[in-house]
Amino acid sequence: MSVATTILNRLTTAGSAQPCLTWYGDDDERVELSGRVLANWVTKATNLLVEDADVGPGSRVVLDLPTHWRTVVWALAAWAAGAEVVLPPEEEADDDDVEAWGEMEDEDEVADDEGFVPDADEDEPDVVVTARPAQAPTAGLVLVVALPALARHVEEAVPAGAVDAAAAIMSYGDVLGPVREPDPAAEALSGVAGLDAAPSVTFADLAEWAVHQLPAAHRDEAGARVLCAPGSVDQLLGHALATWLAGGSVVLLGEDVPHERFAHIAETERATVRC
């Protein structure tokens, strides 16, 4: 049983009505998902990937999204289908203008931004999940994600051939369809920051890798309420996986949440761990 399947089972059993993922965004946006609701989102997204793009073991799903609750949904969905999640390289910022990865540039700069471009020797990805449709690379299926809180459709124009994932996902089943278990030795996550020698993690190593993303003092703590302000998407995924595998819940702070609010949010949400 893969890590994603294990987490889905846990989200829908004990304590499934309790908060599992609480997300804070810009302008005081807040979304709280119970285990049952999060599992439902992941199930629908998995069914979409499998039914529309035949995603399974050997497939590659590019996750071109910021640190957001929807990012976790699509990562878990890709893993539940047995696919590899590919993270685009972090954008380099110059010394005078440091921006978080995934943050949109000014309009004058967008024209020069080609987005994520796969290496020439790599095959085209099977799916790209993106919030930047104008810069999305070619793929078998391009899914455009809406970032505002609980948006049900994408506000901007969706390019020809791409799919408005925020709208489409609602039409898929609430029961997980047939999926294939991945080879434990297959890559589950690639493009991981800090792993220069081998920037990828296999399905067999995914759980252990995730646990080591938490502060050492809290790696064996069960049921923790974890306040997560990740600096990258791989950190987000590591913190979330490790927390849920230990029966805890995640409070995720988006990139636009000011640092001055962290302590107040931690107190309000009764977070016991910060990372």
Protein backbone atom coordinates (compact mmCIF):
# COMPACT_ATOMS: atom_id res chain seq x y z
CA MET A 1 0.00 0.00 0.00
CA SER A 2 1.46 3.38 -1.02
CA VAL A 3 1.83 6.36 1.31
CA ALA A 4 -1.03 8.18 -0.45
CA THR A 5 -3.36 5.20 -0.09
CA THR A 6 -2.42 4.86 3.58
CA ILE A 7 -3.18 8.54 4.20
CA LEU A 8 -6.51 8.36 2.33
CA ASN A 9 -7.56 5.42 4.52
CA ARG A 10 -6.62 7.30 7.69
CA LEU A 11 -8.40 10.48 6.60
CA THR A 12 -11.68 8.60 6.21
CA THR A 13 -11.57 6.54 9.41
CA ALA A 14 -10.87 7.69 12.98
CA GLY A 15 -11.50 11.40 13.52
CA SER A 16 -12.52 11.97 9.89
CA ALA A 17 -14.79 14.86 10.90
CA GLN A 18 -11.98 16.68 12.70
CA PRO A 19 -9.89 19.44 11.01
CA CYS A 20 -7.11 17.87 9.00
CA LEU A 21 -5.86 20.77 6.89
CA THR A 22 -6.35 24.46 7.67
CA TRP A 23 -5.01 26.92 5.10
CA TYR A 24 -4.40 30.65 5.48
CA GLY A 25 -3.97 32.81 2.40
CA ASP A 26 -3.87 36.46 1.45
CA ASP A 27 -6.51 38.92 2.75
CA ASP A 28 -7.39 36.70 5.73
CA GLU A 29 -8.54 33.82 3.53
CA ARG A 30 -9.01 30.67 5.61
CA VAL A 31 -10.08 27.21 4.50
CA GLU A 32 -10.57 24.32 6.92
CA LEU A 33 -10.92 20.78 5.60
CA SER A 34 -11.82 17.75 7.66
CA GLY A 35 -10.19 14.42 6.90
CA ARG A 36 -13.32 13.26 5.10
CA VAL A 37 -13.52 16.39 2.95
CA LEU A 38 -9.83 16.37 2.05
CA ALA A 39 -10.07 12.70 1.10
CA ASN A 40 -13.05 13.52 -1.11
CA TRP A 41 -11.08 16.22 -2.96
CA VAL A 42 -8.16 13.82 -3.45
CA THR A 43 -10.45 11.03 -4.64
CA LYS A 44 -12.10 13.26 -7.24
CA ALA A 45 -8.71 14.55 -8.44
CA THR A 46 -7.35 11.00 -8.70
CA ASN A 47 -10.34 9.87 -10.74
CA LEU A 48 -9.85 12.87 -13.05
CA LEU A 49 -6.17 12.03 -13.62
CA VAL A 50 -6.88 8.36 -14.28
CA GLU A 51 -9.98 8.79 -16.44
CA ASP A 52 -8.85 11.80 -18.49
CA ALA A 53 -5.12 11.14 -18.85
CA ASP A 54 -4.72 7.43 -18.00
CA VAL A 55 -2.30 8.41 -15.23
CA GLY A 56 -0.67 5.47 -13.48
CA PRO A 57 2.74 4.02 -12.63
CA GLY A 58 5.32 5.52 -14.97
CA SER A 59 3.32 8.71 -15.53
CA ARG A 60 4.83 12.11 -14.70
CA VAL A 61 2.71 14.88 -13.21
CA VAL A 62 4.30 18.35 -13.06
CA LEU A 63 3.08 20.30 -10.04
CA ASP A 64 3.54 23.97 -10.95
CA LEU A 65 1.73 25.44 -7.95
CA PRO A 66 2.65 27.54 -4.89
CA THR A 67 2.36 26.42 -1.27
CA HIS A 68 -1.42 26.06 -1.19
CA TRP A 69 -3.99 23.55 0.02
CA ARG A 70 -4.83 22.60 -3.56
CA THR A 71 -1.17 21.67 -4.12
CA VAL A 72 -1.46 18.96 -1.48
CA VAL A 73 -4.64 17.64 -3.12
CA TRP A 74 -3.03 17.20 -6.53
CA ALA A 75 0.17 15.69 -5.13
CA LEU A 76 -1.78 13.09 -3.16
CA ALA A 77 -3.95 12.41 -6.21
CA ALA A 78 -0.92 11.81 -8.43
CA TRP A 79 0.60 9.45 -5.85
CA ALA A 80 -2.71 7.65 -5.33
CA ALA A 81 -2.73 6.98 -9.08
CA GLY A 82 0.85 5.67 -8.85
CA ALA A 83 2.48 8.58 -10.72
CA GLU A 84 5.66 10.57 -10.13
CA VAL A 85 5.22 14.15 -8.93
CA VAL A 86 7.69 16.51 -10.65
CA LEU A 87 8.48 19.86 -9.03
CA PRO A 88 9.69 22.68 -11.29
CA PRO A 89 13.04 24.21 -10.32
CA GLU A 90 12.81 27.13 -7.94
CA GLU A 91 13.12 30.46 -9.72
CA GLU A 92 16.27 32.37 -8.98
CA ALA A 93 15.70 35.86 -7.61
CA ASP A 94 18.24 38.64 -7.92
CA ASP A 95 19.60 40.40 -4.85
CA ASP A 96 17.41 43.46 -5.31
CA ASP A 97 14.11 41.68 -5.76
CA VAL A 98 13.67 38.51 -3.74
CA GLU A 99 10.38 36.81 -4.48
CA ALA A 100 8.90 33.54 -3.27
CA TRP A 101 8.79 30.68 -5.76
CA GLY A 102 5.56 30.60 -7.72
CA GLU A 103 4.77 34.30 -7.24
CA MET A 104 3.68 35.97 -10.43
CA GLU A 105 5.92 38.67 -11.86
CA ASP A 106 4.86 42.05 -13.17
CA GLU A 107 3.13 42.01 -16.52
CA ASP A 108 6.21 43.41 -18.24
CA GLU A 109 8.24 40.47 -16.97
CA VAL A 110 5.75 37.72 -17.77
CA ALA A 111 6.44 37.91 -21.50
CA ASP A 112 10.00 36.74 -20.85
CA ASP A 113 8.99 33.97 -18.46
CA GLU A 114 8.70 30.65 -20.26
CA GLY A 115 7.61 28.81 -17.12
CA PHE A 116 8.82 25.28 -16.48
CA VAL A 117 10.61 23.79 -19.50
CA PRO A 118 11.49 20.08 -19.30
CA ASP A 119 15.04 19.04 -20.16
CA ALA A 120 15.53 18.24 -23.80
CA ASP A 121 16.29 14.58 -23.04
CA GLU A 122 13.11 14.11 -20.99
CA ASP A 123 9.78 13.04 -22.41
CA GLU A 124 6.87 15.46 -22.34
CA PRO A 125 5.07 15.17 -18.99
CA ASP A 126 1.75 13.38 -18.99
CA VAL A 127 0.03 16.10 -16.97
CA VAL A 128 0.84 19.63 -15.86
CA VAL A 129 -1.12 21.09 -12.95
CA THR A 130 -0.56 24.84 -12.96
CA ALA A 131 -1.87 28.20 -11.80
CA ARG A 132 0.08 29.90 -14.61
CA PRO A 133 -1.64 28.67 -17.79
CA ALA A 134 0.12 31.15 -20.08
CA GLN A 135 3.50 29.69 -19.09
CA ALA A 136 2.52 26.00 -18.90
CA PRO A 137 4.69 23.58 -20.90
CA THR A 138 3.24 21.19 -23.44
CA ALA A 139 1.76 18.08 -21.85
CA GLY A 140 -0.75 15.35 -22.55
CA LEU A 141 -3.15 17.22 -20.26
CA VAL A 142 -2.84 20.72 -18.81
CA LEU A 143 -4.99 21.34 -15.72
CA VAL A 144 -5.46 24.96 -14.66
CA VAL A 145 -6.03 25.45 -10.94
CA ALA A 146 -7.79 28.43 -9.34
CA LEU A 147 -6.03 29.70 -6.20
CA PRO A 148 -8.62 31.93 -4.47
CA ALA A 149 -9.93 30.09 -1.38
CA LEU A 150 -12.83 27.92 -2.58
CA ALA A 151 -13.08 29.13 -6.19
CA ARG A 152 -15.10 26.75 -8.38
CA HIS A 153 -13.69 27.99 -11.68
CA VAL A 154 -10.68 29.82 -13.11
CA GLU A 155 -11.25 33.53 -13.63
CA GLU A 156 -8.75 34.06 -16.44
CA ALA A 157 -9.02 32.60 -19.94
CA VAL A 158 -8.06 28.93 -20.12
CA PRO A 159 -5.86 28.17 -23.15
CA ALA A 160 -7.26 25.98 -25.90
CA GLY A 161 -6.81 22.32 -25.04
CA ALA A 162 -6.35 22.98 -21.32
CA VAL A 163 -8.92 22.12 -18.66
CA ASP A 164 -10.33 24.31 -15.89
CA ALA A 165 -9.56 21.87 -13.07
CA ALA A 166 -11.46 23.86 -10.46
CA ALA A 167 -14.68 23.34 -12.41
CA ALA A 168 -13.98 19.90 -13.89
CA ILE A 169 -13.03 18.15 -10.65
CA MET A 170 -16.54 18.46 -9.23
CA SER A 171 -17.99 16.11 -11.86
CA TYR A 172 -15.82 13.14 -10.88
CA GLY A 173 -16.82 10.32 -8.57
CA ASP A 174 -16.61 10.35 -4.79
CA VAL A 175 -15.45 6.72 -4.74
CA LEU A 176 -11.90 5.96 -5.84
CA GLY A 177 -11.85 4.10 -9.14
CA PRO A 178 -9.35 1.39 -10.09
CA VAL A 179 -5.75 2.47 -9.56
CA ARG A 180 -2.47 0.59 -9.92
CA GLU A 181 0.06 0.38 -7.11
CA PRO A 182 3.48 1.79 -8.12
CA ASP A 183 6.75 -0.09 -7.95
CA PRO A 184 8.31 0.78 -4.56
CA ALA A 185 11.60 1.50 -6.35
CA ALA A 186 9.97 3.94 -8.77
CA GLU A 187 10.40 7.69 -8.30
CA ALA A 188 7.57 9.31 -6.38
CA LEU A 189 8.90 12.87 -6.11
CA SER A 190 11.57 14.59 -8.18
CA GLY A 191 12.98 18.11 -8.24
CA VAL A 192 13.44 18.12 -4.46
CA ALA A 193 15.51 21.04 -3.18
CA GLY A 194 18.53 20.11 -1.11
CA LEU A 195 19.04 16.70 -2.68
CA ASP A 196 21.75 17.69 -5.15
CA ALA A 197 23.20 14.22 -5.63
CA ALA A 198 19.86 12.55 -6.34
CA PRO A 199 17.01 15.11 -6.20
CA SER A 200 14.29 12.47 -6.13
CA VAL A 201 12.55 10.22 -3.63
CA THR A 202 11.19 6.74 -4.34
CA PHE A 203 7.81 5.44 -3.22
CA ALA A 204 9.61 3.12 -0.79
CA ASP A 205 11.44 6.07 0.81
CA LEU A 206 8.66 8.66 0.68
CA ALA A 207 7.39 8.19 4.25
CA GLU A 208 10.87 8.22 5.80
CA TRP A 209 11.87 11.26 3.74
CA ALA A 210 8.73 13.10 4.88
CA VAL A 211 9.35 12.39 8.57
CA HIS A 212 12.83 13.91 8.31
CA GLN A 213 11.31 17.19 7.09
CA LEU A 214 9.87 17.77 10.57
CA PRO A 215 11.94 19.24 13.40
CA ALA A 216 13.95 16.41 15.00
CA ALA A 217 12.34 16.95 18.42
CA HIS A 218 8.86 16.29 17.03
CA ARG A 219 9.39 13.39 14.62
CA ASP A 220 7.94 10.82 17.00
CA GLU A 221 5.06 13.00 18.19
CA ALA A 222 1.63 11.59 17.40
CA GLY A 223 -1.49 13.67 16.80
CA ALA A 224 0.29 17.04 16.69
CA ARG A 225 -1.29 20.22 15.38
CA VAL A 226 1.52 21.43 13.09
CA LEU A 227 1.86 25.05 11.95
CA CYS A 228 3.63 24.89 8.61
CA ALA A 229 5.16 27.91 6.85
CA PRO A 230 7.13 26.09 4.15
CA GLY A 231 9.74 27.78 2.01
CA SER A 232 9.12 25.41 -0.89
CA VAL A 233 6.55 22.93 -2.17
CA ASP A 234 8.70 19.91 -1.29
CA GLN A 235 8.85 21.15 2.32
CA LEU A 236 5.07 21.52 2.30
CA LEU A 237 4.59 17.96 1.05
CA GLY A 238 7.08 16.56 3.55
CA HIS A 239 5.49 18.34 6.51
CA ALA A 240 1.96 17.35 5.49
CA LEU A 241 2.72 13.68 4.80
CA ALA A 242 4.66 13.24 8.04
CA THR A 243 1.95 14.95 10.10
CA TRP A 244 -0.90 12.88 8.66
CA LEU A 245 1.02 9.62 8.93
CA ALA A 246 1.38 10.41 12.65
CA GLY A 247 -2.34 11.16 12.99
CA GLY A 248 -1.93 14.94 13.26
CA SER A 249 -3.35 17.96 11.46
CA VAL A 250 -1.73 20.73 9.44
CA VAL A 251 -2.13 24.50 9.61
CA LEU A 252 -0.65 25.73 6.34
CA LEU A 253 0.41 29.34 5.89
CA GLY A 254 0.47 30.53 2.29
CA GLU A 255 3.28 32.58 0.81
CA ASP A 256 1.40 35.87 1.28
CA VAL A 257 0.76 35.51 5.01
CA PRO A 258 2.95 38.08 6.83
CA HIS A 259 5.44 36.70 9.31
CA GLU A 260 3.99 38.99 11.99
CA ARG A 261 0.76 36.94 11.95
CA PHE A 262 2.42 33.58 12.58
CA ALA A 263 2.36 33.72 16.39
CA HIS A 264 -1.28 34.83 16.52
CA ILE A 265 -2.36 32.11 14.09
CA ALA A 266 -0.41 29.49 16.05
CA GLU A 267 -2.22 30.51 19.22
CA THR A 268 -5.62 30.70 17.55
CA GLU A 269 -5.23 27.27 15.93
CA ARG A 270 -3.68 25.75 19.06
CA ALA A 271 -0.66 24.56 17.13
CA THR A 272 1.76 22.47 19.18
CA VAL A 273 4.55 22.28 16.59
CA ARG A 274 5.96 24.95 14.27
CA CYS A 275 8.02 24.17 11.20
